[in-house]
Amino acid sequence: MIAIHSATGAFATEWRSYCLERGIPFKEVDCFSTNIIRQLQGCSALLWHWEHHDFEAQLFARQLIASVEEMGIRVFPSTKTSWHYDDKVGQKYILEAIGAPLIPSYVFYDKEKALKWIAETTFPKVWKLRGGAGSQNVRLLSSANQALQVVHRAFNNGFKNSRWHALKDRVWEFRRDRTLNSFINITRGLIRAAFPHVKNSRGPVQKDYVYFQDFIPDNTFDIRVIVVGNRAFAIKRLVRHGDFRASGSGRILYDPAEISTECVATAFGVTEKLGSQCCAYDFVHHADNWLIVEISYAFTAAAYKKCPGYWDSKLEWHSTPVMPERFILDDLLIAIGTRGGTNA
């Protein structure tokens, strides 16, 4: 029996549909319920695609996953897949530990140490909060004075989740697309900024640390590679006009000829070392090397269904529809020994 968290997102919807099509027994459970452990009795696996903006899930998802795994139940995402999700500081440590080609990154928990580093380093640098996706909470600092402002705020009042970030993105999308729908989205963004969703207004204040990365210049794009089991599919994302960030730009190329297989090979190798079921990588190019910006288990599946195929771990190309949600479920069924609706 497969347990699927009763959510309305694309992953849960696709998982339910796939189970119905293949006759795979499943039941819906509520991971937010106090009796979730009892709900999972008799199940072989749990699927729950929780996301960074769900601050309620952030409170306990990692602890629940580890507890469910102690029951002998397979979970997607597993602990190894998700413990560093939406945590750039955690990603720094694990990627350095396994020797992955991470952009040089720096974290400080002491104000004086951060100030000393600023006095000795060079600029520009990229400052980031540990959480946030789609280029949220990311800023290019061109001078030591700008870095000093960030440090003073980080070790004083800190940073609260901005309700205006989504609105800025919608304005940028309108400038890019010039469509009626993108204009209407600005109005929706104004309403959401004035009356934020409760989940988007309860995020914790981020303070008492600072995180920086070296700025890698002259990149007009990044490469986004997603590994799911023995498959890797990828896109090329062009940077926003007048910006240095590609994440969230919506300017995407799907031609596999645009993708360096060096990125694909690196992604497979790092995923194996992480022991991850699924991992997305952002790569930029520097001095004949491809460097990882950050990683994530979660992604928007719809953006990758236009990919014309995927590479396997031997870097052989397969021209076939890319269905990320179904890839994940297929791998989980193999892991628990369930095929075509047969109980594990």
C-alpha atoms as a PDB file:
ATOM      1  CA  MET A   1       0.000   0.000   0.000  1.00  0.00           C
ATOM      2  CA  ILE A   2       1.298   3.436  -1.010  1.00  0.00           C
ATOM      3  CA  ALA A   3       0.494   6.453   1.170  1.00  0.00           C
ATOM      4  CA  ILE A   4       0.189   9.829  -0.583  1.00  0.00           C
ATOM      5  CA  HIS A   5      -0.152  13.054   1.364  1.00  0.00           C
ATOM      6  CA  SER A   6      -3.553  14.559   0.615  1.00  0.00           C
ATOM      7  CA  ALA A   7      -2.396  17.704  -1.170  1.00  0.00           C
ATOM      8  CA  THR A   8      -3.547  19.591  -4.259  1.00  0.00           C
ATOM      9  CA  GLY A   9      -0.112  20.042  -5.851  1.00  0.00           C
ATOM     10  CA  ALA A  10       0.936  18.682  -9.224  1.00  0.00           C
ATOM     11  CA  PHE A  11       3.062  15.897  -7.744  1.00  0.00           C
ATOM     12  CA  ALA A  12       0.314  14.474  -5.520  1.00  0.00           C
ATOM     13  CA  THR A  13      -2.250  14.764  -8.326  1.00  0.00           C
ATOM     14  CA  GLU A  14      -0.008  12.914 -10.772  1.00  0.00           C
ATOM     15  CA  TRP A  15       0.885  10.225  -8.224  1.00  0.00           C
ATOM     16  CA  ARG A  16      -2.779   9.517  -7.526  1.00  0.00           C
ATOM     17  CA  SER A  17      -3.580   9.354 -11.246  1.00  0.00           C
ATOM     18  CA  TYR A  18      -0.670   6.998 -11.912  1.00  0.00           C
ATOM     19  CA  CYS A  19      -1.725   4.664  -9.107  1.00  0.00           C
ATOM     20  CA  LEU A  20      -5.285   4.571 -10.458  1.00  0.00           C
ATOM     21  CA  GLU A  21      -4.074   3.869 -13.998  1.00  0.00           C
ATOM     22  CA  ARG A  22      -1.808   1.002 -12.941  1.00  0.00           C
ATOM     23  CA  GLY A  23      -4.031  -0.450 -10.252  1.00  0.00           C
ATOM     24  CA  ILE A  24      -1.535   0.301  -7.483  1.00  0.00           C
ATOM     25  CA  PRO A  25      -3.210   0.296  -4.066  1.00  0.00           C
ATOM     26  CA  PHE A  26      -2.838   3.643  -2.311  1.00  0.00           C
ATOM     27  CA  LYS A  27      -4.494   5.740   0.307  1.00  0.00           C
ATOM     28  CA  GLU A  28      -4.427   9.418   1.095  1.00  0.00           C
ATOM     29  CA  VAL A  29      -2.999  10.479   4.444  1.00  0.00           C
ATOM     30  CA  ASP A  30      -2.591  13.805   6.210  1.00  0.00           C
ATOM     31  CA  CYS A  31       1.016  14.391   7.213  1.00  0.00           C
ATOM     32  CA  PHE A  32      -0.107  17.336   9.359  1.00  0.00           C
ATOM     33  CA  SER A  33      -2.364  15.123  11.473  1.00  0.00           C
ATOM     34  CA  THR A  34      -1.350  14.236  15.015  1.00  0.00           C
ATOM     35  CA  ASN A  35      -2.061  10.557  14.264  1.00  0.00           C
ATOM     36  CA  ILE A  36      -0.057  10.371  11.024  1.00  0.00           C
ATOM     37  CA  ILE A  37       2.069   7.512  12.385  1.00  0.00           C
ATOM     38  CA  ARG A  38      -1.068   5.457  12.954  1.00  0.00           C
ATOM     39  CA  GLN A  39      -2.353   6.358   9.478  1.00  0.00           C
ATOM     40  CA  LEU A  40       0.819   4.880   7.997  1.00  0.00           C
ATOM     41  CA  GLN A  41       0.463   1.481   9.637  1.00  0.00           C
ATOM     42  CA  GLY A  42       0.485  -1.219   6.941  1.00  0.00           C
ATOM     43  CA  CYS A  43       1.966   1.089   4.284  1.00  0.00           C
ATOM     44  CA  SER A  44       5.152   0.357   2.368  1.00  0.00           C
ATOM     45  CA  ALA A  45       5.877   3.899   1.225  1.00  0.00           C
ATOM     46  CA  LEU A  46       4.940   7.547   1.767  1.00  0.00           C
ATOM     47  CA  LEU A  47       5.051  10.289  -0.874  1.00  0.00           C
ATOM     48  CA  TRP A  48       4.936  13.936   0.222  1.00  0.00           C
ATOM     49  CA  HIS A  49       6.291  16.698  -2.020  1.00  0.00           C
ATOM     50  CA  TRP A  50       6.612  19.480   0.562  1.00  0.00           C
ATOM     51  CA  GLU A  51       7.959  22.848  -0.504  1.00  0.00           C
ATOM     52  CA  HIS A  52      10.071  25.661   0.863  1.00  0.00           C
ATOM     53  CA  HIS A  53       7.248  28.195   1.140  1.00  0.00           C
ATOM     54  CA  ASP A  54       5.149  25.910   3.362  1.00  0.00           C
ATOM     55  CA  PHE A  55       6.402  27.064   6.745  1.00  0.00           C
ATOM     56  CA  GLU A  56       4.192  24.596   8.582  1.00  0.00           C
ATOM     57  CA  ALA A  57       5.893  21.733   6.743  1.00  0.00           C
ATOM     58  CA  GLN A  58       9.284  23.280   7.453  1.00  0.00           C
ATOM     59  CA  LEU A  59       8.548  22.930  11.174  1.00  0.00           C
ATOM     60  CA  PHE A  60       8.457  19.141  11.180  1.00  0.00           C
ATOM     61  CA  ALA A  61       8.862  17.527   7.753  1.00  0.00           C
ATOM     62  CA  ARG A  62      12.443  16.386   8.292  1.00  0.00           C
ATOM     63  CA  GLN A  63      11.637  14.923  11.716  1.00  0.00           C
ATOM     64  CA  LEU A  64       8.573  13.108  10.420  1.00  0.00           C
ATOM     65  CA  ILE A  65      10.487  11.641   7.484  1.00  0.00           C
ATOM     66  CA  ALA A  66      13.233  10.301   9.759  1.00  0.00           C
ATOM     67  CA  SER A  67      10.631   8.814  12.098  1.00  0.00           C
ATOM     68  CA  VAL A  68       8.701   7.132   9.289  1.00  0.00           C
ATOM     69  CA  GLU A  69      11.925   5.652   7.931  1.00  0.00           C
ATOM     70  CA  GLU A  70      12.485   4.130  11.385  1.00  0.00           C
ATOM     71  CA  MET A  71       9.212   2.244  10.815  1.00  0.00           C
ATOM     72  CA  GLY A  72      10.781   0.554   7.777  1.00  0.00           C
ATOM     73  CA  ILE A  73       8.649   2.642   5.408  1.00  0.00           C
ATOM     74  CA  ARG A  74      10.228   4.134   2.299  1.00  0.00           C
ATOM     75  CA  VAL A  75       9.678   7.871   1.994  1.00  0.00           C
ATOM     76  CA  PHE A  76       9.929  10.310  -0.863  1.00  0.00           C
ATOM     77  CA  PRO A  77      11.732  12.503  -0.217  1.00  0.00           C
ATOM     78  CA  SER A  78      14.022  10.469   2.016  1.00  0.00           C
ATOM     79  CA  THR A  79      16.126  12.023   4.753  1.00  0.00           C
ATOM     80  CA  LYS A  80      19.232  11.976   2.549  1.00  0.00           C
ATOM     81  CA  THR A  81      17.240  13.574  -0.248  1.00  0.00           C
ATOM     82  CA  SER A  82      15.692  16.395   1.747  1.00  0.00           C
ATOM     83  CA  TRP A  83      17.568  17.279   4.934  1.00  0.00           C
ATOM     84  CA  HIS A  84      19.471  20.086   3.162  1.00  0.00           C
ATOM     85  CA  TYR A  85      16.453  21.295   1.158  1.00  0.00           C
ATOM     86  CA  ASP A  86      16.017  25.078   1.144  1.00  0.00           C
ATOM     87  CA  ASP A  87      19.090  25.390   3.354  1.00  0.00           C
ATOM     88  CA  LYS A  88      22.013  26.869   1.444  1.00  0.00           C
ATOM     89  CA  VAL A  89      24.204  26.747   4.538  1.00  0.00           C
ATOM     90  CA  GLY A  90      23.544  23.027   4.959  1.00  0.00           C
ATOM     91  CA  GLN A  91      24.264  22.544   1.258  1.00  0.00           C
ATOM     92  CA  LYS A  92      27.619  24.301   1.641  1.00  0.00           C
ATOM     93  CA  TYR A  93      28.714  21.853   4.311  1.00  0.00           C
ATOM     94  CA  ILE A  94      27.575  18.658   2.577  1.00  0.00           C
ATOM     95  CA  LEU A  95      28.855  19.633  -0.877  1.00  0.00           C
ATOM     96  CA  GLU A  96      32.239  20.589   0.555  1.00  0.00           C
ATOM     97  CA  ALA A  97      32.304  17.345   2.562  1.00  0.00           C
ATOM     98  CA  ILE A  98      31.868  15.165  -0.538  1.00  0.00           C
ATOM     99  CA  GLY A  99      34.221  17.220  -2.716  1.00  0.00           C
ATOM    100  CA  ALA A 100      31.548  18.561  -5.069  1.00  0.00           C
ATOM    101  CA  PRO A 101      32.489  21.551  -7.269  1.00  0.00           C
ATOM    102  CA  LEU A 102      30.614  24.185  -5.245  1.00  0.00           C
ATOM    103  CA  ILE A 103      31.181  27.890  -5.867  1.00  0.00           C
ATOM    104  CA  PRO A 104      33.441  29.081  -3.006  1.00  0.00           C
ATOM    105  CA  SER A 105      31.039  29.895  -0.170  1.00  0.00           C
ATOM    106  CA  TYR A 106      31.420  31.503   3.246  1.00  0.00           C
ATOM    107  CA  VAL A 107      29.258  31.495   6.352  1.00  0.00           C
ATOM    108  CA  PHE A 108      29.739  33.388   9.625  1.00  0.00           C
ATOM    109  CA  TYR A 109      27.872  33.168  12.925  1.00  0.00           C
ATOM    110  CA  ASP A 110      29.921  35.860  14.633  1.00  0.00           C
ATOM    111  CA  LYS A 111      29.631  39.517  13.632  1.00  0.00           C
ATOM    112  CA  GLU A 112      33.256  40.396  14.292  1.00  0.00           C
ATOM    113  CA  LYS A 113      34.526  37.479  12.219  1.00  0.00           C
ATOM    114  CA  ALA A 114      32.254  38.537   9.372  1.00  0.00           C
ATOM    115  CA  LEU A 115      33.505  42.122   9.550  1.00  0.00           C
ATOM    116  CA  LYS A 116      37.125  40.960   9.531  1.00  0.00           C
ATOM    117  CA  TRP A 117      36.469  38.802   6.465  1.00  0.00           C
ATOM    118  CA  ILE A 118      34.818  41.715   4.657  1.00  0.00           C
ATOM    119  CA  ALA A 119      37.876  43.880   5.291  1.00  0.00           C
ATOM    120  CA  GLU A 120      40.135  41.257   3.724  1.00  0.00           C
ATOM    121  CA  THR A 121      38.073  39.891   0.815  1.00  0.00           C
ATOM    122  CA  THR A 122      37.362  41.278  -2.649  1.00  0.00           C
ATOM    123  CA  PHE A 123      34.067  42.301  -4.241  1.00  0.00           C
ATOM    124  CA  PRO A 124      31.576  41.785  -5.763  1.00  0.00           C
ATOM    125  CA  LYS A 125      30.122  38.944  -3.700  1.00  0.00           C
ATOM    126  CA  VAL A 126      26.687  37.322  -3.739  1.00  0.00           C
ATOM    127  CA  TRP A 127      24.795  37.459  -0.458  1.00  0.00           C
ATOM    128  CA  LYS A 128      22.042  34.941   0.247  1.00  0.00           C
ATOM    129  CA  LEU A 129      19.709  33.945   3.008  1.00  0.00           C
ATOM    130  CA  ARG A 130      19.761  30.221   3.688  1.00  0.00           C
ATOM    131  CA  GLY A 131      16.191  29.758   2.380  1.00  0.00           C
ATOM    132  CA  GLY A 132      14.221  30.899  -0.655  1.00  0.00           C
ATOM    133  CA  ALA A 133      13.869  29.693  -4.255  1.00  0.00           C
ATOM    134  CA  GLY A 134      13.567  31.293  -7.678  1.00  0.00           C
ATOM    135  CA  SER A 135      16.304  33.874  -6.834  1.00  0.00           C
ATOM    136  CA  GLN A 136      14.520  35.008  -3.671  1.00  0.00           C
ATOM    137  CA  ASN A 137      16.702  36.405  -0.902  1.00  0.00           C
ATOM    138  CA  VAL A 138      19.685  36.818  -3.219  1.00  0.00           C
ATOM    139  CA  ARG A 139      21.568  40.056  -3.805  1.00  0.00           C
ATOM    140  CA  LEU A 140      24.756  41.075  -5.605  1.00  0.00           C
ATOM    141  CA  LEU A 141      26.972  43.188  -3.331  1.00  0.00           C
ATOM    142  CA  SER A 142      29.365  45.367  -5.284  1.00  0.00           C
ATOM    143  CA  SER A 143      31.271  46.850  -2.356  1.00  0.00           C
ATOM    144  CA  ALA A 144      32.406  46.293   1.210  1.00  0.00           C
ATOM    145  CA  ASN A 145      30.003  49.017   2.358  1.00  0.00           C
ATOM    146  CA  GLN A 146      27.029  47.064   1.023  1.00  0.00           C
ATOM    147  CA  ALA A 147      28.298  43.920   2.748  1.00  0.00           C
ATOM    148  CA  LEU A 148      28.685  45.843   6.010  1.00  0.00           C
ATOM    149  CA  GLN A 149      25.028  46.922   5.811  1.00  0.00           C
ATOM    150  CA  VAL A 150      23.963  43.303   5.368  1.00  0.00           C
ATOM    151  CA  VAL A 151      26.074  42.138   8.306  1.00  0.00           C
ATOM    152  CA  HIS A 152      24.802  44.851  10.655  1.00  0.00           C
ATOM    153  CA  ARG A 153      21.215  43.982   9.818  1.00  0.00           C
ATOM    154  CA  ALA A 154      21.832  40.221  10.060  1.00  0.00           C
ATOM    155  CA  PHE A 155      23.175  40.581  13.587  1.00  0.00           C
ATOM    156  CA  ASN A 156      20.531  43.095  14.660  1.00  0.00           C
ATOM    157  CA  ASN A 157      16.901  42.900  13.468  1.00  0.00           C
ATOM    158  CA  GLY A 158      17.504  40.273  10.804  1.00  0.00           C
ATOM    159  CA  PHE A 159      15.537  39.622   7.615  1.00  0.00           C
ATOM    160  CA  LYS A 160      11.840  38.866   7.367  1.00  0.00           C
ATOM    161  CA  ASN A 161      10.299  37.085   4.386  1.00  0.00           C
ATOM    162  CA  SER A 162       9.433  39.813   1.847  1.00  0.00           C
ATOM    163  CA  ARG A 163       5.850  39.985   0.658  1.00  0.00           C
ATOM    164  CA  TRP A 164       6.930  42.167  -2.297  1.00  0.00           C
ATOM    165  CA  HIS A 165       9.289  39.723  -3.978  1.00  0.00           C
ATOM    166  CA  ALA A 166       6.540  37.940  -5.920  1.00  0.00           C
ATOM    167  CA  LEU A 167       5.154  41.275  -7.087  1.00  0.00           C
ATOM    168  CA  LYS A 168       8.554  42.336  -8.423  1.00  0.00           C
ATOM    169  CA  ASP A 169       8.753  39.052 -10.318  1.00  0.00           C
ATOM    170  CA  ARG A 170       5.313  39.621 -11.857  1.00  0.00           C
ATOM    171  CA  VAL A 171       6.324  43.109 -13.006  1.00  0.00           C
ATOM    172  CA  TRP A 172       9.445  41.620 -14.562  1.00  0.00           C
ATOM    173  CA  GLU A 173       7.370  38.909 -16.274  1.00  0.00           C
ATOM    174  CA  PHE A 174       5.078  41.583 -17.764  1.00  0.00           C
ATOM    175  CA  ARG A 175       8.056  43.488 -19.145  1.00  0.00           C
ATOM    176  CA  ARG A 176       9.306  40.227 -20.643  1.00  0.00           C
ATOM    177  CA  ASP A 177       6.033  38.884 -22.073  1.00  0.00           C
ATOM    178  CA  ARG A 178       3.846  41.985 -22.659  1.00  0.00           C
ATOM    179  CA  THR A 179       0.672  39.903 -22.501  1.00  0.00           C
ATOM    180  CA  LEU A 180      -2.749  40.551 -20.986  1.00  0.00           C
ATOM    181  CA  ASN A 181      -2.346  37.619 -18.616  1.00  0.00           C
ATOM    182  CA  SER A 182       1.007  38.883 -17.333  1.00  0.00           C
ATOM    183  CA  PHE A 183      -0.580  42.310 -16.766  1.00  0.00           C
ATOM    184  CA  ILE A 184      -3.467  40.758 -14.825  1.00  0.00           C
ATOM    185  CA  ASN A 185      -0.911  38.882 -12.733  1.00  0.00           C
ATOM    186  CA  ILE A 186       0.474  42.230 -11.539  1.00  0.00           C
ATOM    187  CA  THR A 187      -2.937  43.052 -10.063  1.00  0.00           C
ATOM    188  CA  ARG A 188      -3.034  39.654  -8.401  1.00  0.00           C
ATOM    189  CA  GLY A 189       0.453  40.280  -7.058  1.00  0.00           C
ATOM    190  CA  LEU A 190      -0.621  43.627  -5.585  1.00  0.00           C
ATOM    191  CA  ILE A 191      -3.516  41.942  -3.792  1.00  0.00           C
ATOM    192  CA  ARG A 192      -1.280  39.169  -2.487  1.00  0.00           C
ATOM    193  CA  ALA A 193       1.326  41.694  -1.315  1.00  0.00           C
ATOM    194  CA  ALA A 194      -1.326  43.702   0.542  1.00  0.00           C
ATOM    195  CA  PHE A 195      -3.040  40.607   1.925  1.00  0.00           C
ATOM    196  CA  PRO A 196      -0.395  37.854   2.063  1.00  0.00           C
ATOM    197  CA  HIS A 197      -1.351  34.235   2.424  1.00  0.00           C
ATOM    198  CA  VAL A 198      -1.036  33.169   6.037  1.00  0.00           C
ATOM    199  CA  LYS A 199       1.678  30.634   5.176  1.00  0.00           C
ATOM    200  CA  ASN A 200       3.729  33.341   3.465  1.00  0.00           C
ATOM    201  CA  SER A 201       3.499  35.757   6.396  1.00  0.00           C
ATOM    202  CA  ARG A 202       4.656  33.441   9.164  1.00  0.00           C
ATOM    203  CA  GLY A 203       8.194  32.664   8.129  1.00  0.00           C
ATOM    204  CA  PRO A 204      10.863  33.047  10.792  1.00  0.00           C
ATOM    205  CA  VAL A 205      13.141  36.068  10.971  1.00  0.00           C
ATOM    206  CA  GLN A 206      16.541  35.106   9.582  1.00  0.00           C
ATOM    207  CA  LYS A 207      19.300  36.513  11.741  1.00  0.00           C
ATOM    208  CA  ASP A 208      22.586  35.883  13.545  1.00  0.00           C
ATOM    209  CA  TYR A 209      24.380  34.500  10.486  1.00  0.00           C
ATOM    210  CA  VAL A 210      25.555  35.689   7.072  1.00  0.00           C
ATOM    211  CA  TYR A 211      26.201  33.619   3.950  1.00  0.00           C
ATOM    212  CA  PHE A 212      28.146  34.718   0.879  1.00  0.00           C
ATOM    213  CA  GLN A 213      29.320  33.160  -2.371  1.00  0.00           C
ATOM    214  CA  ASP A 214      31.951  34.300  -4.835  1.00  0.00           C
ATOM    215  CA  PHE A 215      30.422  36.091  -7.807  1.00  0.00           C
ATOM    216  CA  ILE A 216      31.057  34.240 -11.059  1.00  0.00           C
ATOM    217  CA  PRO A 217      31.063  36.914 -13.801  1.00  0.00           C
ATOM    218  CA  ASP A 218      30.236  36.798 -17.509  1.00  0.00           C
ATOM    219  CA  ASN A 219      27.547  34.120 -17.305  1.00  0.00           C
ATOM    220  CA  THR A 220      24.568  34.827 -19.525  1.00  0.00           C
ATOM    221  CA  PHE A 221      22.858  31.579 -18.536  1.00  0.00           C
ATOM    222  CA  ASP A 222      22.940  28.683 -16.124  1.00  0.00           C
ATOM    223  CA  ILE A 223      22.354  24.970 -16.638  1.00  0.00           C
ATOM    224  CA  ARG A 224      19.683  23.288 -14.518  1.00  0.00           C
ATOM    225  CA  VAL A 225      20.099  19.496 -14.318  1.00  0.00           C
ATOM    226  CA  ILE A 226      17.643  17.270 -12.473  1.00  0.00           C
ATOM    227  CA  VAL A 227      18.565  13.706 -11.593  1.00  0.00           C
ATOM    228  CA  VAL A 228      15.802  11.230 -10.754  1.00  0.00           C
ATOM    229  CA  GLY A 229      17.219   7.766 -10.215  1.00  0.00           C
ATOM    230  CA  ASN A 230      19.026   6.729 -13.398  1.00  0.00           C
ATOM    231  CA  ARG A 231      17.691   9.660 -15.447  1.00  0.00           C
ATOM    232  CA  ALA A 232      18.891  13.218 -15.894  1.00  0.00           C
ATOM    233  CA  PHE A 233      17.029  15.899 -17.811  1.00  0.00           C
ATOM    234  CA  ALA A 234      18.164  19.474 -18.179  1.00  0.00           C
ATOM    235  CA  ILE A 235      17.396  22.975 -19.384  1.00  0.00           C
ATOM    236  CA  LYS A 236      19.399  26.078 -20.180  1.00  0.00           C
ATOM    237  CA  ARG A 237      18.092  29.181 -18.406  1.00  0.00           C
ATOM    238  CA  LEU A 238      19.013  32.609 -19.761  1.00  0.00           C
ATOM    239  CA  VAL A 239      19.615  35.368 -17.247  1.00  0.00           C
ATOM    240  CA  ARG A 240      17.144  38.182 -16.771  1.00  0.00           C
ATOM    241  CA  HIS A 241      17.853  41.345 -18.733  1.00  0.00           C
ATOM    242  CA  GLY A 242      19.898  43.719 -16.608  1.00  0.00           C
ATOM    243  CA  ASP A 243      20.431  41.081 -13.917  1.00  0.00           C
ATOM    244  CA  PHE A 244      22.919  38.333 -13.045  1.00  0.00           C
ATOM    245  CA  ARG A 245      20.363  35.667 -12.100  1.00  0.00           C
ATOM    246  CA  ALA A 246      18.871  32.994 -14.337  1.00  0.00           C
ATOM    247  CA  SER A 247      16.710  31.267 -11.726  1.00  0.00           C
ATOM    248  CA  GLY A 248      13.084  32.273 -12.168  1.00  0.00           C
ATOM    249  CA  SER A 249      13.729  34.099 -15.447  1.00  0.00           C
ATOM    250  CA  GLY A 250      11.348  31.919 -17.462  1.00  0.00           C
ATOM    251  CA  ARG A 251      13.705  32.235 -20.461  1.00  0.00           C
ATOM    252  CA  ILE A 252      14.357  28.543 -21.126  1.00  0.00           C
ATOM    253  CA  LEU A 253      16.023  26.523 -23.884  1.00  0.00           C
ATOM    254  CA  TYR A 254      15.184  22.811 -24.074  1.00  0.00           C
ATOM    255  CA  ASP A 255      17.527  21.671 -26.853  1.00  0.00           C
ATOM    256  CA  PRO A 256      19.856  18.986 -25.391  1.00  0.00           C
ATOM    257  CA  ALA A 257      22.606  20.312 -27.656  1.00  0.00           C
ATOM    258  CA  GLU A 258      22.671  23.377 -25.374  1.00  0.00           C
ATOM    259  CA  ILE A 259      23.527  21.224 -22.348  1.00  0.00           C
ATOM    260  CA  SER A 260      27.081  20.303 -21.358  1.00  0.00           C
ATOM    261  CA  THR A 261      27.243  16.594 -20.589  1.00  0.00           C
ATOM    262  CA  GLU A 262      29.958  17.503 -18.071  1.00  0.00           C
ATOM    263  CA  CYS A 263      27.179  19.030 -15.968  1.00  0.00           C
ATOM    264  CA  VAL A 264      25.092  15.891 -16.399  1.00  0.00           C
ATOM    265  CA  ALA A 265      27.977  13.615 -15.384  1.00  0.00           C
ATOM    266  CA  THR A 266      28.752  15.768 -12.346  1.00  0.00           C
ATOM    267  CA  ALA A 267      25.107  15.746 -11.306  1.00  0.00           C
ATOM    268  CA  PHE A 268      24.958  11.953 -11.464  1.00  0.00           C
ATOM    269  CA  GLY A 269      28.180  11.634  -9.456  1.00  0.00           C
ATOM    270  CA  VAL A 270      27.128  14.068  -6.726  1.00  0.00           C
ATOM    271  CA  THR A 271      23.659  12.507  -6.467  1.00  0.00           C
ATOM    272  CA  GLU A 272      25.235   9.108  -5.892  1.00  0.00           C
ATOM    273  CA  LYS A 273      27.493  10.489  -3.157  1.00  0.00           C
ATOM    274  CA  LEU A 274      24.536  12.225  -1.509  1.00  0.00           C
ATOM    275  CA  GLY A 275      22.477   9.035  -1.633  1.00  0.00           C
ATOM    276  CA  SER A 276      19.632  11.140  -2.995  1.00  0.00           C
ATOM    277  CA  GLN A 277      16.549   9.867  -4.815  1.00  0.00           C
ATOM    278  CA  CYS A 278      16.203  13.116  -6.712  1.00  0.00           C
ATOM    279  CA  CYS A 279      18.281  16.274  -6.922  1.00  0.00           C
ATOM    280  CA  ALA A 280      18.230  19.468  -8.995  1.00  0.00           C
ATOM    281  CA  TYR A 281      21.481  21.332  -9.659  1.00  0.00           C
ATOM    282  CA  ASP A 282      22.196  24.856 -10.840  1.00  0.00           C
ATOM    283  CA  PHE A 283      25.521  25.118 -12.707  1.00  0.00           C
ATOM    284  CA  VAL A 284      27.497  28.138 -13.920  1.00  0.00           C
ATOM    285  CA  HIS A 285      30.726  28.140 -15.931  1.00  0.00           C
ATOM    286  CA  HIS A 286      34.036  29.496 -14.664  1.00  0.00           C
ATOM    287  CA  ALA A 287      37.599  29.023 -15.951  1.00  0.00           C
ATOM    288  CA  ASP A 288      36.826  25.852 -17.925  1.00  0.00           C
ATOM    289  CA  ASN A 289      34.918  24.356 -14.989  1.00  0.00           C
ATOM    290  CA  TRP A 290      31.258  23.942 -14.169  1.00  0.00           C
ATOM    291  CA  LEU A 291      30.451  24.976 -10.598  1.00  0.00           C
ATOM    292  CA  ILE A 292      27.370  24.207  -8.526  1.00  0.00           C
ATOM    293  CA  VAL A 293      25.441  27.224  -7.241  1.00  0.00           C
ATOM    294  CA  GLU A 294      22.947  25.295  -5.112  1.00  0.00           C
ATOM    295  CA  ILE A 295      20.822  22.136  -5.047  1.00  0.00           C
ATOM    296  CA  SER A 296      17.226  21.169  -4.304  1.00  0.00           C
ATOM    297  CA  TYR A 297      15.079  18.043  -4.243  1.00  0.00           C
ATOM    298  CA  ALA A 298      11.926  20.029  -5.132  1.00  0.00           C
ATOM    299  CA  PHE A 299      11.184  21.628  -8.482  1.00  0.00           C
ATOM    300  CA  THR A 300       8.242  22.576 -10.688  1.00  0.00           C
ATOM    301  CA  ALA A 301       7.611  19.460 -12.767  1.00  0.00           C
ATOM    302  CA  ALA A 302       5.661  21.262 -15.506  1.00  0.00           C
ATOM    303  CA  ALA A 303       8.743  23.247 -16.525  1.00  0.00           C
ATOM    304  CA  TYR A 304      10.574  20.037 -17.499  1.00  0.00           C
ATOM    305  CA  LYS A 305       7.861  18.201 -19.409  1.00  0.00           C
ATOM    306  CA  LYS A 306       8.969  20.069 -22.517  1.00  0.00           C
ATOM    307  CA  CYS A 307      12.355  18.334 -22.324  1.00  0.00           C
ATOM    308  CA  PRO A 308      12.667  16.005 -25.348  1.00  0.00           C
ATOM    309  CA  GLY A 309      14.250  13.211 -23.329  1.00  0.00           C
ATOM    310  CA  TYR A 310      16.845  12.334 -20.726  1.00  0.00           C
ATOM    311  CA  TRP A 311      20.353  10.940 -20.265  1.00  0.00           C
ATOM    312  CA  ASP A 312      21.020   7.774 -18.285  1.00  0.00           C
ATOM    313  CA  SER A 313      24.008   7.442 -15.946  1.00  0.00           C
ATOM    314  CA  LYS A 314      26.134   6.218 -18.865  1.00  0.00           C
ATOM    315  CA  LEU A 315      25.307   9.522 -20.602  1.00  0.00           C
ATOM    316  CA  GLU A 316      23.291   7.742 -23.266  1.00  0.00           C
ATOM    317  CA  TRP A 317      20.396   9.801 -24.576  1.00  0.00           C
ATOM    318  CA  HIS A 318      16.778   8.571 -24.523  1.00  0.00           C
ATOM    319  CA  SER A 319      14.230  10.431 -26.627  1.00  0.00           C
ATOM    320  CA  THR A 320      11.085   9.918 -24.573  1.00  0.00           C
ATOM    321  CA  PRO A 321       8.502  11.991 -22.697  1.00  0.00           C
ATOM    322  CA  VAL A 322       9.806  13.365 -19.417  1.00  0.00           C
ATOM    323  CA  MET A 323       7.353  12.723 -16.586  1.00  0.00           C
ATOM    324  CA  PRO A 324       9.178  13.582 -13.350  1.00  0.00           C
ATOM    325  CA  GLU A 325       6.373  12.603 -10.972  1.00  0.00           C
ATOM    326  CA  ARG A 326       6.005   9.189 -12.575  1.00  0.00           C
ATOM    327  CA  PHE A 327       9.767   8.628 -12.626  1.00  0.00           C
ATOM    328  CA  ILE A 328       9.824   9.191  -8.868  1.00  0.00           C
ATOM    329  CA  LEU A 329       6.949   6.800  -8.248  1.00  0.00           C
ATOM    330  CA  ASP A 330       8.414   4.150 -10.563  1.00  0.00           C
ATOM    331  CA  ASP A 331      11.683   4.218  -8.608  1.00  0.00           C
ATOM    332  CA  LEU A 332       9.833   3.970  -5.316  1.00  0.00           C
ATOM    333  CA  LEU A 333       7.799   0.983  -6.533  1.00  0.00           C
ATOM    334  CA  ILE A 334      10.998  -0.803  -7.554  1.00  0.00           C
ATOM    335  CA  ALA A 335      12.542  -0.028  -4.160  1.00  0.00           C
ATOM    336  CA  ILE A 336       9.641  -1.642  -2.287  1.00  0.00           C
ATOM    337  CA  GLY A 337       9.276  -4.499  -4.769  1.00  0.00           C
ATOM    338  CA  THR A 338       5.897  -3.447  -6.157  1.00  0.00           C
ATOM    339  CA  ARG A 339       5.185  -3.770  -9.869  1.00  0.00           C
ATOM    340  CA  GLY A 340       1.993  -3.010 -11.787  1.00  0.00           C
ATOM    341  CA  GLY A 341      -0.237  -2.891  -8.754  1.00  0.00           C
ATOM    342  CA  THR A 342       1.144  -5.946  -6.954  1.00  0.00           C
ATOM    343  CA  ASN A 343       1.427  -5.387  -3.216  1.00  0.00           C
ATOM    344  CA  ALA A 344       4.899  -5.324  -1.686  1.00  0.00           C
END
